[in-house]
Amino acid sequence: MTYNTLSYYDKNAMHLSDRYESANVDHLHSLLLDIFPNRSHLLEIGCGSGRDASFMVKNKFDILATDGSKEMIETAKQCHPEISNSLCLMQIPEDLSFEPSSFDGVYSIATLMHLQKNEIESTIYKISTIIKKGANFLFSVSIQRDDIDNQGKDKMGRHFTTMPESEWISYCEKYGMRFKYSKITGDGLNRDGIVWLTCVVKKEE
């Protein structure tokens, strides 16, 4: 993830957390409960304000919630003290080094599109190794934006990689994770010009 992208989240952590907490994520939360078995040990990549990790912990899941922004981690502790012991500062893909089959599943919401394409592929490969056979991986990414330039940067300097659904699924299938579900929606913060893909893939058994 680029320095400018991480710097933006470090400098705006509290403001962004307020926005994240107000977003309509009922569909995502229902999907998380549907695809992961009760009390699963899960990895969250890009926990932001801690909104989703808190929801999952309250529903009896064992979560390791990670983020690349130190200030977002600190803000998550303030917003959701109950997950303080589940939070970890981690850069992806470089820090994504766990023993094979360490997790019952992985989810990542509004994070992976901040990576360059080579980083996306590396991250997906590593995820395929750290989840158990038959485990699910859920990700939500923006696949269309009208607020970025030709280099994939918005006015705040954040990087966005926009790829069609087929390309995201192709990366997953390359590393033994098969398509299970997808849904394309508008923006949860009601921003025009942004389209989201939510996708679930399953590691082959």
N, C-alpha and C. Protein backbone atom coordinates (compact mmCIF):
# COMPACT_ATOMS: atom_id res chain seq x y z
N MET A 1 0.85 -1.19 0.00
CA MET A 1 0.00 0.00 0.00
C MET A 1 0.89 1.24 0.00
N THR A 2 0.51 2.25 -0.76
CA THR A 2 1.37 3.42 -0.91
C THR A 2 1.45 4.24 0.37
N TYR A 3 2.54 4.98 0.49
CA TYR A 3 2.73 5.86 1.65
C TYR A 3 1.61 6.88 1.74
N ASN A 4 1.25 7.49 0.62
CA ASN A 4 0.21 8.52 0.63
C ASN A 4 -1.14 7.97 1.09
N THR A 5 -1.42 6.74 0.70
CA THR A 5 -2.68 6.12 1.13
C THR A 5 -2.70 5.92 2.63
N LEU A 6 -1.65 5.32 3.17
CA LEU A 6 -1.58 5.09 4.62
C LEU A 6 -1.56 6.40 5.38
N SER A 7 -0.84 7.39 4.85
CA SER A 7 -0.75 8.69 5.51
C SER A 7 -2.12 9.34 5.62
N TYR A 8 -2.93 9.20 4.59
CA TYR A 8 -4.27 9.77 4.63
C TYR A 8 -5.08 9.16 5.77
N TYR A 9 -5.00 7.86 5.93
CA TYR A 9 -5.76 7.20 7.00
C TYR A 9 -5.21 7.54 8.38
N ASP A 10 -3.90 7.68 8.48
CA ASP A 10 -3.31 8.09 9.76
C ASP A 10 -3.79 9.49 10.16
N LYS A 11 -3.82 10.39 9.20
CA LYS A 11 -4.15 11.79 9.51
C LYS A 11 -5.65 12.02 9.72
N ASN A 12 -6.47 11.13 9.21
CA ASN A 12 -7.93 11.35 9.24
C ASN A 12 -8.68 10.23 9.95
N ALA A 13 -7.99 9.53 10.83
CA ALA A 13 -8.56 8.32 11.43
C ALA A 13 -9.88 8.57 12.15
N MET A 14 -9.94 9.61 12.98
CA MET A 14 -11.16 9.84 13.76
C MET A 14 -12.33 10.23 12.86
N HIS A 15 -12.08 11.13 11.93
CA HIS A 15 -13.14 11.55 11.01
C HIS A 15 -13.65 10.38 10.18
N LEU A 16 -12.73 9.58 9.67
CA LEU A 16 -13.12 8.44 8.86
C LEU A 16 -13.89 7.41 9.67
N SER A 17 -13.47 7.21 10.90
CA SER A 17 -14.16 6.23 11.75
C SER A 17 -15.61 6.63 11.98
N ASP A 18 -15.85 7.92 12.16
CA ASP A 18 -17.23 8.39 12.31
C ASP A 18 -18.06 8.03 11.08
N ARG A 19 -17.47 8.19 9.90
CA ARG A 19 -18.17 7.85 8.66
C ARG A 19 -18.42 6.35 8.56
N TYR A 20 -17.40 5.56 8.88
CA TYR A 20 -17.55 4.11 8.78
C TYR A 20 -18.65 3.60 9.70
N GLU A 21 -18.71 4.18 10.89
CA GLU A 21 -19.70 3.71 11.86
C GLU A 21 -21.13 4.02 11.40
N SER A 22 -21.27 5.01 10.53
CA SER A 22 -22.61 5.40 10.07
C SER A 22 -23.04 4.71 8.78
N ALA A 23 -22.14 3.96 8.17
CA ALA A 23 -22.44 3.32 6.88
C ALA A 23 -23.46 2.20 7.05
N ASN A 24 -24.25 1.99 6.01
CA ASN A 24 -25.22 0.90 6.00
C ASN A 24 -24.52 -0.38 5.55
N VAL A 25 -24.27 -1.28 6.50
CA VAL A 25 -23.55 -2.52 6.19
C VAL A 25 -24.36 -3.74 6.62
N ASP A 26 -25.66 -3.60 6.69
CA ASP A 26 -26.50 -4.72 7.12
C ASP A 26 -26.31 -5.94 6.23
N HIS A 27 -26.23 -5.71 4.91
CA HIS A 27 -26.05 -6.83 3.99
C HIS A 27 -24.73 -7.55 4.25
N LEU A 28 -23.66 -6.78 4.44
CA LEU A 28 -22.35 -7.38 4.71
C LEU A 28 -22.36 -8.17 6.00
N HIS A 29 -22.95 -7.62 7.03
CA HIS A 29 -22.96 -8.31 8.32
C HIS A 29 -23.78 -9.60 8.25
N SER A 30 -24.88 -9.57 7.55
CA SER A 30 -25.68 -10.79 7.38
C SER A 30 -24.89 -11.85 6.62
N LEU A 31 -24.15 -11.40 5.61
CA LEU A 31 -23.35 -12.32 4.81
C LEU A 31 -22.23 -12.93 5.65
N LEU A 32 -21.58 -12.12 6.47
CA LEU A 32 -20.52 -12.64 7.33
C LEU A 32 -21.04 -13.74 8.24
N LEU A 33 -22.20 -13.53 8.81
CA LEU A 33 -22.79 -14.55 9.69
C LEU A 33 -23.16 -15.81 8.91
N ASP A 34 -23.55 -15.65 7.66
CA ASP A 34 -23.98 -16.79 6.86
C ASP A 34 -22.83 -17.67 6.41
N ILE A 35 -21.69 -17.07 6.09
CA ILE A 35 -20.63 -17.85 5.42
C ILE A 35 -19.58 -18.42 6.36
N PHE A 36 -19.52 -17.93 7.59
CA PHE A 36 -18.52 -18.44 8.53
C PHE A 36 -19.18 -19.23 9.65
N PRO A 37 -18.69 -20.44 9.93
CA PRO A 37 -19.27 -21.25 11.01
C PRO A 37 -19.15 -20.55 12.37
N ASN A 38 -20.06 -20.86 13.26
CA ASN A 38 -20.05 -20.27 14.59
C ASN A 38 -18.70 -20.47 15.27
N ARG A 39 -18.24 -19.42 15.94
CA ARG A 39 -17.00 -19.44 16.74
C ARG A 39 -15.75 -19.69 15.90
N SER A 40 -15.81 -19.39 14.62
CA SER A 40 -14.64 -19.53 13.75
C SER A 40 -13.52 -18.59 14.19
N HIS A 41 -12.29 -19.01 13.88
CA HIS A 41 -11.11 -18.16 14.07
C HIS A 41 -10.84 -17.46 12.74
N LEU A 42 -11.07 -16.14 12.70
CA LEU A 42 -11.05 -15.39 11.45
C LEU A 42 -10.02 -14.28 11.46
N LEU A 43 -9.49 -13.98 10.29
CA LEU A 43 -8.60 -12.84 10.09
C LEU A 43 -9.35 -11.75 9.34
N GLU A 44 -9.31 -10.54 9.88
CA GLU A 44 -9.85 -9.39 9.15
C GLU A 44 -8.69 -8.54 8.65
N ILE A 45 -8.67 -8.25 7.37
CA ILE A 45 -7.64 -7.42 6.76
C ILE A 45 -8.24 -6.04 6.48
N GLY A 46 -7.75 -5.03 7.21
CA GLY A 46 -8.26 -3.67 7.05
C GLY A 46 -9.46 -3.42 7.93
N CYS A 47 -9.25 -3.39 9.24
CA CYS A 47 -10.38 -3.32 10.18
C CYS A 47 -10.93 -1.91 10.35
N GLY A 48 -10.19 -0.88 9.93
CA GLY A 48 -10.71 0.48 10.03
C GLY A 48 -11.10 0.86 11.45
N SER A 49 -12.34 1.27 11.63
CA SER A 49 -12.83 1.73 12.94
C SER A 49 -13.08 0.58 13.90
N GLY A 50 -12.97 -0.65 13.42
CA GLY A 50 -13.28 -1.80 14.26
C GLY A 50 -14.75 -2.20 14.21
N ARG A 51 -15.51 -1.55 13.36
CA ARG A 51 -16.95 -1.78 13.25
C ARG A 51 -17.30 -3.25 13.03
N ASP A 52 -16.65 -3.86 12.03
CA ASP A 52 -17.01 -5.23 11.67
C ASP A 52 -16.43 -6.24 12.64
N ALA A 53 -15.22 -5.99 13.13
CA ALA A 53 -14.64 -6.88 14.14
C ALA A 53 -15.49 -6.89 15.39
N SER A 54 -15.96 -5.73 15.81
CA SER A 54 -16.82 -5.65 16.99
C SER A 54 -18.10 -6.45 16.78
N PHE A 55 -18.69 -6.30 15.61
CA PHE A 55 -19.91 -7.05 15.29
C PHE A 55 -19.65 -8.55 15.37
N MET A 56 -18.53 -8.99 14.83
CA MET A 56 -18.24 -10.42 14.81
C MET A 56 -17.92 -10.95 16.21
N VAL A 57 -17.18 -10.18 16.99
CA VAL A 57 -16.87 -10.60 18.37
C VAL A 57 -18.15 -10.72 19.18
N LYS A 58 -19.06 -9.78 19.01
CA LYS A 58 -20.34 -9.84 19.72
C LYS A 58 -21.16 -11.06 19.31
N ASN A 59 -20.87 -11.58 18.12
CA ASN A 59 -21.54 -12.80 17.66
C ASN A 59 -20.69 -14.05 17.88
N LYS A 60 -19.75 -13.95 18.82
CA LYS A 60 -19.00 -15.11 19.33
C LYS A 60 -17.94 -15.65 18.37
N PHE A 61 -17.46 -14.81 17.45
CA PHE A 61 -16.35 -15.23 16.60
C PHE A 61 -15.03 -14.81 17.24
N ASP A 62 -13.97 -15.55 16.92
CA ASP A 62 -12.62 -15.25 17.40
C ASP A 62 -11.90 -14.51 16.28
N ILE A 63 -11.66 -13.22 16.48
CA ILE A 63 -11.18 -12.36 15.40
C ILE A 63 -9.77 -11.83 15.67
N LEU A 64 -8.91 -11.89 14.66
CA LEU A 64 -7.68 -11.11 14.65
C LEU A 64 -7.91 -10.00 13.63
N ALA A 65 -8.05 -8.77 14.13
CA ALA A 65 -8.40 -7.63 13.28
C ALA A 65 -7.15 -6.80 13.01
N THR A 66 -6.78 -6.64 11.76
CA THR A 66 -5.54 -5.97 11.39
C THR A 66 -5.81 -4.73 10.55
N ASP A 67 -4.87 -3.80 10.61
CA ASP A 67 -4.93 -2.61 9.75
C ASP A 67 -3.51 -2.11 9.55
N GLY A 68 -3.28 -1.46 8.41
CA GLY A 68 -1.96 -0.92 8.11
C GLY A 68 -1.71 0.45 8.69
N SER A 69 -2.76 1.09 9.19
CA SER A 69 -2.65 2.44 9.76
C SER A 69 -2.60 2.37 11.28
N LYS A 70 -1.53 2.88 11.86
CA LYS A 70 -1.40 2.88 13.31
C LYS A 70 -2.51 3.69 13.97
N GLU A 71 -2.84 4.82 13.38
CA GLU A 71 -3.87 5.68 13.97
C GLU A 71 -5.26 5.06 13.85
N MET A 72 -5.52 4.32 12.79
CA MET A 72 -6.80 3.62 12.70
C MET A 72 -6.90 2.56 13.78
N ILE A 73 -5.81 1.87 14.07
CA ILE A 73 -5.81 0.88 15.15
C ILE A 73 -6.13 1.55 16.48
N GLU A 74 -5.50 2.69 16.74
CA GLU A 74 -5.74 3.40 18.00
C GLU A 74 -7.19 3.89 18.08
N THR A 75 -7.71 4.36 16.95
CA THR A 75 -9.09 4.83 16.93
C THR A 75 -10.06 3.68 17.13
N ALA A 76 -9.75 2.52 16.55
CA ALA A 76 -10.60 1.34 16.75
C ALA A 76 -10.67 0.96 18.22
N LYS A 77 -9.56 1.10 18.93
CA LYS A 77 -9.55 0.80 20.37
C LYS A 77 -10.49 1.74 21.12
N GLN A 78 -10.53 3.01 20.68
CA GLN A 78 -11.41 3.98 21.33
C GLN A 78 -12.87 3.73 20.98
N CYS A 79 -13.12 3.42 19.72
CA CYS A 79 -14.51 3.19 19.28
C CYS A 79 -15.09 1.90 19.84
N HIS A 80 -14.23 0.88 19.94
CA HIS A 80 -14.69 -0.45 20.35
C HIS A 80 -13.69 -1.07 21.32
N PRO A 81 -13.69 -0.63 22.57
CA PRO A 81 -12.72 -1.14 23.55
C PRO A 81 -12.77 -2.66 23.70
N GLU A 82 -13.91 -3.25 23.41
CA GLU A 82 -14.06 -4.70 23.60
C GLU A 82 -13.19 -5.51 22.65
N ILE A 83 -12.65 -4.89 21.59
CA ILE A 83 -11.79 -5.64 20.67
C ILE A 83 -10.32 -5.24 20.79
N SER A 84 -9.98 -4.47 21.82
CA SER A 84 -8.60 -3.96 21.96
C SER A 84 -7.57 -5.07 21.89
N ASN A 85 -7.85 -6.21 22.50
CA ASN A 85 -6.89 -7.32 22.52
C ASN A 85 -6.87 -8.12 21.22
N SER A 86 -7.76 -7.78 20.30
CA SER A 86 -7.84 -8.50 19.03
C SER A 86 -7.24 -7.71 17.87
N LEU A 87 -6.71 -6.51 18.16
CA LEU A 87 -6.22 -5.61 17.11
C LEU A 87 -4.72 -5.76 16.89
N CYS A 88 -4.30 -5.64 15.64
CA CYS A 88 -2.89 -5.81 15.30
C CYS A 88 -2.53 -4.92 14.10
N LEU A 89 -1.43 -4.19 14.23
CA LEU A 89 -0.91 -3.38 13.12
C LEU A 89 -0.21 -4.30 12.13
N MET A 90 -0.61 -4.26 10.87
CA MET A 90 -0.04 -5.18 9.88
C MET A 90 -0.11 -4.57 8.49
N GLN A 91 1.01 -4.60 7.78
CA GLN A 91 1.05 -4.16 6.38
C GLN A 91 0.83 -5.37 5.47
N ILE A 92 0.08 -5.14 4.40
CA ILE A 92 -0.11 -6.23 3.44
C ILE A 92 0.44 -5.81 2.08
N PRO A 93 1.00 -6.76 1.35
CA PRO A 93 1.06 -8.20 1.66
C PRO A 93 2.25 -8.63 2.51
N GLU A 94 3.19 -7.73 2.78
CA GLU A 94 4.47 -8.15 3.36
C GLU A 94 4.36 -8.80 4.73
N ASP A 95 3.43 -8.35 5.57
CA ASP A 95 3.33 -8.89 6.93
C ASP A 95 2.35 -10.05 7.03
N LEU A 96 1.80 -10.47 5.94
CA LEU A 96 0.78 -11.51 5.95
C LEU A 96 1.44 -12.89 5.96
N SER A 97 2.12 -13.17 7.06
CA SER A 97 2.90 -14.41 7.16
C SER A 97 2.46 -15.20 8.39
N PHE A 98 1.55 -16.12 8.17
CA PHE A 98 1.07 -17.02 9.21
C PHE A 98 1.34 -18.45 8.78
N GLU A 99 1.25 -19.37 9.73
CA GLU A 99 1.38 -20.78 9.40
C GLU A 99 0.25 -21.20 8.46
N PRO A 100 0.52 -22.17 7.59
CA PRO A 100 -0.55 -22.65 6.71
C PRO A 100 -1.77 -23.12 7.50
N SER A 101 -2.94 -22.85 6.97
CA SER A 101 -4.21 -23.29 7.57
C SER A 101 -4.42 -22.74 8.98
N SER A 102 -3.98 -21.51 9.21
CA SER A 102 -4.11 -20.89 10.53
C SER A 102 -5.53 -20.41 10.82
N PHE A 103 -6.31 -20.13 9.79
CA PHE A 103 -7.61 -19.48 9.99
C PHE A 103 -8.75 -20.28 9.35
N ASP A 104 -9.92 -20.14 9.97
CA ASP A 104 -11.14 -20.75 9.44
C ASP A 104 -11.76 -19.90 8.34
N GLY A 105 -11.20 -18.72 8.12
CA GLY A 105 -11.69 -17.84 7.08
C GLY A 105 -11.04 -16.48 7.18
N VAL A 106 -11.17 -15.70 6.13
CA VAL A 106 -10.63 -14.34 6.06
C VAL A 106 -11.69 -13.44 5.44
N TYR A 107 -11.77 -12.21 5.94
CA TYR A 107 -12.61 -11.22 5.26
C TYR A 107 -11.88 -9.89 5.22
N SER A 108 -12.18 -9.12 4.19
CA SER A 108 -11.53 -7.83 3.98
C SER A 108 -12.53 -6.90 3.29
N ILE A 109 -12.89 -5.84 3.97
CA ILE A 109 -13.92 -4.92 3.48
C ILE A 109 -13.30 -3.55 3.19
N ALA A 110 -13.41 -3.14 1.93
CA ALA A 110 -12.95 -1.80 1.50
C ALA A 110 -11.47 -1.57 1.76
N THR A 111 -10.65 -2.56 1.44
CA THR A 111 -9.21 -2.45 1.68
C THR A 111 -8.37 -2.85 0.47
N LEU A 112 -8.64 -4.00 -0.11
CA LEU A 112 -7.72 -4.58 -1.10
C LEU A 112 -7.57 -3.71 -2.34
N MET A 113 -8.55 -2.87 -2.65
CA MET A 113 -8.45 -2.03 -3.84
C MET A 113 -7.41 -0.93 -3.68
N HIS A 114 -6.90 -0.74 -2.45
CA HIS A 114 -5.83 0.25 -2.24
C HIS A 114 -4.46 -0.28 -2.64
N LEU A 115 -4.37 -1.57 -2.96
CA LEU A 115 -3.10 -2.18 -3.33
C LEU A 115 -2.86 -2.08 -4.83
N GLN A 116 -1.58 -2.14 -5.22
CA GLN A 116 -1.24 -2.28 -6.62
C GLN A 116 -1.59 -3.70 -7.07
N LYS A 117 -1.69 -3.92 -8.37
CA LYS A 117 -2.12 -5.24 -8.87
C LYS A 117 -1.20 -6.36 -8.40
N ASN A 118 0.10 -6.14 -8.43
CA ASN A 118 1.01 -7.19 -7.99
C ASN A 118 0.85 -7.48 -6.50
N GLU A 119 0.51 -6.45 -5.72
CA GLU A 119 0.27 -6.65 -4.30
C GLU A 119 -1.05 -7.38 -4.06
N ILE A 120 -2.04 -7.09 -4.88
CA ILE A 120 -3.32 -7.81 -4.77
C ILE A 120 -3.11 -9.30 -5.00
N GLU A 121 -2.37 -9.63 -6.06
CA GLU A 121 -2.14 -11.05 -6.35
C GLU A 121 -1.36 -11.72 -5.22
N SER A 122 -0.34 -11.05 -4.71
CA SER A 122 0.45 -11.61 -3.62
C SER A 122 -0.40 -11.82 -2.37
N THR A 123 -1.27 -10.85 -2.08
CA THR A 123 -2.14 -10.96 -0.91
C THR A 123 -3.11 -12.13 -1.06
N ILE A 124 -3.71 -12.26 -2.23
CA ILE A 124 -4.65 -13.35 -2.46
C ILE A 124 -3.94 -14.70 -2.36
N TYR A 125 -2.74 -14.79 -2.89
CA TYR A 125 -1.97 -16.03 -2.76
C TYR A 125 -1.73 -16.37 -1.29
N LYS A 126 -1.31 -15.38 -0.51
CA LYS A 126 -1.03 -15.65 0.90
C LYS A 126 -2.29 -16.04 1.65
N ILE A 127 -3.40 -15.39 1.33
CA ILE A 127 -4.67 -15.76 1.96
C ILE A 127 -5.00 -17.22 1.66
N SER A 128 -4.75 -17.64 0.43
CA SER A 128 -5.06 -19.03 0.04
C SER A 128 -4.26 -20.04 0.84
N THR A 129 -3.10 -19.63 1.35
CA THR A 129 -2.27 -20.57 2.12
C THR A 129 -2.62 -20.58 3.60
N ILE A 130 -3.14 -19.47 4.12
CA ILE A 130 -3.36 -19.39 5.57
C ILE A 130 -4.77 -19.78 6.00
N ILE A 131 -5.67 -20.00 5.03
CA ILE A 131 -7.00 -20.51 5.39
C ILE A 131 -7.04 -22.02 5.18
N LYS A 132 -7.90 -22.66 5.94
CA LYS A 132 -8.04 -24.11 5.87
C LYS A 132 -8.78 -24.52 4.60
N LYS A 133 -8.62 -25.77 4.22
CA LYS A 133 -9.37 -26.30 3.08
C LYS A 133 -10.87 -26.19 3.36
N GLY A 134 -11.60 -25.75 2.37
CA GLY A 134 -13.04 -25.58 2.53
C GLY A 134 -13.44 -24.26 3.17
N ALA A 135 -12.46 -23.43 3.52
CA ALA A 135 -12.75 -22.15 4.18
C ALA A 135 -13.13 -21.08 3.17
N ASN A 136 -13.87 -20.09 3.64
CA ASN A 136 -14.31 -18.99 2.79
C ASN A 136 -13.45 -17.74 2.97
N PHE A 137 -13.35 -17.00 1.89
CA PHE A 137 -12.70 -15.69 1.89
C PHE A 137 -13.68 -14.70 1.29
N LEU A 138 -14.05 -13.70 2.08
CA LEU A 138 -14.97 -12.65 1.63
C LEU A 138 -14.20 -11.35 1.44
N PHE A 139 -14.43 -10.69 0.33
CA PHE A 139 -13.83 -9.37 0.15
C PHE A 139 -14.84 -8.43 -0.50
N SER A 140 -14.74 -7.17 -0.14
CA SER A 140 -15.56 -6.12 -0.72
C SER A 140 -14.64 -5.02 -1.21
N VAL A 141 -14.76 -4.68 -2.49
CA VAL A 141 -13.86 -3.70 -3.11
C VAL A 141 -14.66 -2.81 -4.06
N SER A 142 -14.19 -1.59 -4.22
CA SER A 142 -14.80 -0.74 -5.24
C SER A 142 -14.25 -1.14 -6.60
N ILE A 143 -15.14 -1.32 -7.56
CA ILE A 143 -14.72 -1.74 -8.91
C ILE A 143 -14.96 -0.65 -9.95
N GLN A 144 -15.58 0.43 -9.51
CA GLN A 144 -15.80 1.57 -10.41
C GLN A 144 -15.85 2.84 -9.57
N ARG A 145 -15.11 3.86 -9.99
CA ARG A 145 -15.07 5.14 -9.28
C ARG A 145 -14.94 6.26 -10.29
N ASP A 146 -15.62 7.38 -10.01
CA ASP A 146 -15.47 8.54 -10.88
C ASP A 146 -14.66 9.65 -10.20
N ASP A 147 -14.00 9.28 -9.08
CA ASP A 147 -13.25 10.30 -8.32
C ASP A 147 -11.75 10.07 -8.36
N ILE A 148 -11.26 9.28 -9.34
CA ILE A 148 -9.83 9.02 -9.45
C ILE A 148 -9.32 9.44 -10.82
N ASP A 149 -8.01 9.73 -10.87
CA ASP A 149 -7.41 10.14 -12.14
C ASP A 149 -6.91 8.92 -12.91
N ASN A 150 -6.19 9.17 -13.99
CA ASN A 150 -5.73 8.07 -14.84
C ASN A 150 -4.69 7.19 -14.17
N GLN A 151 -4.08 7.69 -13.09
CA GLN A 151 -3.11 6.90 -12.34
C GLN A 151 -3.75 6.18 -11.15
N GLY A 152 -5.07 6.32 -11.02
CA GLY A 152 -5.77 5.65 -9.93
C GLY A 152 -5.72 6.38 -8.61
N LYS A 153 -5.45 7.69 -8.63
CA LYS A 153 -5.38 8.46 -7.39
C LYS A 153 -6.58 9.39 -7.27
N ASP A 154 -7.08 9.52 -6.02
CA ASP A 154 -8.14 10.50 -5.79
C ASP A 154 -7.51 11.81 -5.33
N LYS A 155 -8.33 12.81 -5.06
CA LYS A 155 -7.80 14.13 -4.73
C LYS A 155 -7.07 14.16 -3.39
N MET A 156 -7.26 13.12 -2.56
CA MET A 156 -6.53 13.03 -1.30
C MET A 156 -5.21 12.29 -1.44
N GLY A 157 -4.93 11.79 -2.63
CA GLY A 157 -3.68 11.08 -2.86
C GLY A 157 -3.76 9.58 -2.63
N ARG A 158 -4.94 9.07 -2.31
CA ARG A 158 -5.08 7.63 -2.10
C ARG A 158 -5.06 6.88 -3.43
N HIS A 159 -4.46 5.71 -3.42
CA HIS A 159 -4.43 4.87 -4.62
C HIS A 159 -5.61 3.91 -4.63
N PHE A 160 -6.21 3.74 -5.81
CA PHE A 160 -7.26 2.75 -6.01
C PHE A 160 -6.97 1.95 -7.27
N THR A 161 -6.99 0.63 -7.14
CA THR A 161 -6.95 -0.24 -8.30
C THR A 161 -8.38 -0.65 -8.62
N THR A 162 -8.85 -0.32 -9.81
CA THR A 162 -10.20 -0.71 -10.21
C THR A 162 -10.10 -1.83 -11.24
N MET A 163 -10.64 -2.99 -10.89
CA MET A 163 -10.65 -4.15 -11.78
C MET A 163 -12.07 -4.68 -11.87
N PRO A 164 -12.45 -5.27 -12.99
CA PRO A 164 -13.77 -5.89 -13.09
C PRO A 164 -13.86 -7.13 -12.21
N GLU A 165 -15.07 -7.54 -11.95
CA GLU A 165 -15.30 -8.74 -11.12
C GLU A 165 -14.53 -9.94 -11.65
N SER A 166 -14.53 -10.13 -12.96
CA SER A 166 -13.88 -11.30 -13.55
C SER A 166 -12.40 -11.37 -13.21
N GLU A 167 -11.75 -10.22 -13.13
CA GLU A 167 -10.31 -10.21 -12.83
C GLU A 167 -10.05 -10.56 -11.37
N TRP A 168 -10.88 -10.05 -10.46
CA TRP A 168 -10.74 -10.43 -9.05
C TRP A 168 -10.92 -11.94 -8.88
N ILE A 169 -11.94 -12.48 -9.53
CA ILE A 169 -12.21 -13.91 -9.40
C ILE A 169 -11.09 -14.73 -10.03
N SER A 170 -10.54 -14.25 -11.13
CA SER A 170 -9.44 -14.95 -11.80
C SER A 170 -8.23 -15.09 -10.89
N TYR A 171 -7.89 -14.03 -10.15
CA TYR A 171 -6.78 -14.11 -9.19
C TYR A 171 -7.06 -15.17 -8.14
N CYS A 172 -8.29 -15.20 -7.64
CA CYS A 172 -8.63 -16.17 -6.60
C CYS A 172 -8.57 -17.60 -7.13
N GLU A 173 -9.10 -17.81 -8.32
CA GLU A 173 -9.11 -19.16 -8.90
C GLU A 173 -7.70 -19.64 -9.23
N LYS A 174 -6.82 -18.72 -9.53
CA LYS A 174 -5.43 -19.08 -9.82
C LYS A 174 -4.79 -19.78 -8.63
N TYR A 175 -5.26 -19.44 -7.43
CA TYR A 175 -4.67 -20.01 -6.22
C TYR A 175 -5.65 -20.92 -5.47
N GLY A 176 -6.51 -21.58 -6.23
CA GLY A 176 -7.31 -22.66 -5.67
C GLY A 176 -8.51 -22.25 -4.86
N MET A 177 -9.02 -21.04 -5.09
CA MET A 177 -10.24 -20.60 -4.41
C MET A 177 -11.31 -20.37 -5.47
N ARG A 178 -12.43 -21.04 -5.31
CA ARG A 178 -13.47 -21.04 -6.33
C ARG A 178 -14.61 -20.10 -5.99
N PHE A 179 -15.17 -19.49 -7.02
CA PHE A 179 -16.27 -18.55 -6.87
C PHE A 179 -17.46 -19.20 -6.19
N LYS A 180 -18.04 -18.45 -5.25
CA LYS A 180 -19.21 -18.94 -4.51
C LYS A 180 -20.39 -17.96 -4.59
N TYR A 181 -20.11 -16.67 -4.50
CA TYR A 181 -21.18 -15.67 -4.42
C TYR A 181 -20.61 -14.31 -4.77
N SER A 182 -21.44 -13.47 -5.40
CA SER A 182 -21.05 -12.07 -5.58
C SER A 182 -22.29 -11.20 -5.67
N LYS A 183 -22.11 -9.95 -5.33
CA LYS A 183 -23.17 -8.96 -5.45
C LYS A 183 -22.54 -7.61 -5.75
N ILE A 184 -23.11 -6.89 -6.69
CA ILE A 184 -22.64 -5.55 -7.04
C ILE A 184 -23.67 -4.54 -6.55
N THR A 185 -23.19 -3.54 -5.81
CA THR A 185 -24.09 -2.58 -5.16
C THR A 185 -23.56 -1.16 -5.31
N GLY A 186 -24.41 -0.21 -4.95
CA GLY A 186 -23.99 1.17 -4.84
C GLY A 186 -23.21 1.39 -3.56
N ASP A 187 -22.95 2.62 -3.25
CA ASP A 187 -22.07 2.97 -2.13
C ASP A 187 -22.85 3.04 -0.82
N GLY A 188 -22.28 2.42 0.24
CA GLY A 188 -22.92 2.42 1.55
C GLY A 188 -22.96 3.77 2.21
N LEU A 189 -22.14 4.70 1.72
CA LEU A 189 -22.14 6.08 2.24
C LEU A 189 -22.87 7.02 1.28
N ASN A 190 -23.59 6.43 0.33
CA ASN A 190 -24.42 7.19 -0.61
C ASN A 190 -23.64 8.15 -1.49
N ARG A 191 -22.39 7.78 -1.83
CA ARG A 191 -21.60 8.60 -2.74
C ARG A 191 -21.90 8.16 -4.18
N ASP A 192 -22.22 9.12 -5.02
CA ASP A 192 -22.47 8.82 -6.43
C ASP A 192 -21.17 8.43 -7.13
N GLY A 193 -21.28 7.60 -8.16
CA GLY A 193 -20.13 7.28 -8.99
C GLY A 193 -19.23 6.20 -8.46
N ILE A 194 -19.62 5.53 -7.35
CA ILE A 194 -18.80 4.46 -6.78
C ILE A 194 -19.62 3.18 -6.75
N VAL A 195 -19.08 2.12 -7.33
CA VAL A 195 -19.75 0.82 -7.40
C VAL A 195 -18.90 -0.20 -6.66
N TRP A 196 -19.56 -1.04 -5.87
CA TRP A 196 -18.86 -2.01 -5.02
C TRP A 196 -19.17 -3.45 -5.45
N LEU A 197 -18.15 -4.27 -5.33
CA LEU A 197 -18.28 -5.72 -5.50
C LEU A 197 -18.05 -6.39 -4.16
N THR A 198 -19.00 -7.21 -3.75
CA THR A 198 -18.81 -8.09 -2.60
C THR A 198 -18.77 -9.51 -3.13
N CYS A 199 -17.72 -10.23 -2.78
CA CYS A 199 -17.50 -11.55 -3.38
C CYS A 199 -17.06 -12.55 -2.30
N VAL A 200 -17.52 -13.77 -2.44
CA VAL A 200 -17.09 -14.87 -1.56
C VAL A 200 -16.51 -15.97 -2.44
N VAL A 201 -15.32 -16.42 -2.07
CA VAL A 201 -14.71 -17.57 -2.73
C VAL A 201 -14.37 -18.61 -1.67
N LYS A 202 -14.26 -19.85 -2.10
CA LYS A 202 -14.03 -20.96 -1.16
C LYS A 202 -12.80 -21.74 -1.58
N LYS A 203 -11.93 -22.01 -0.61
CA LYS A 203 -10.73 -22.80 -0.90
C LYS A 203 -11.12 -24.24 -1.16
N GLU A 204 -10.56 -24.81 -2.19
CA GLU A 204 -10.87 -26.19 -2.56
C GLU A 204 -10.52 -27.15 -1.43
N GLU A 205 -11.34 -28.18 -1.28
CA GLU A 205 -11.11 -29.16 -0.21
C GLU A 205 -10.24 -30.30 -0.72
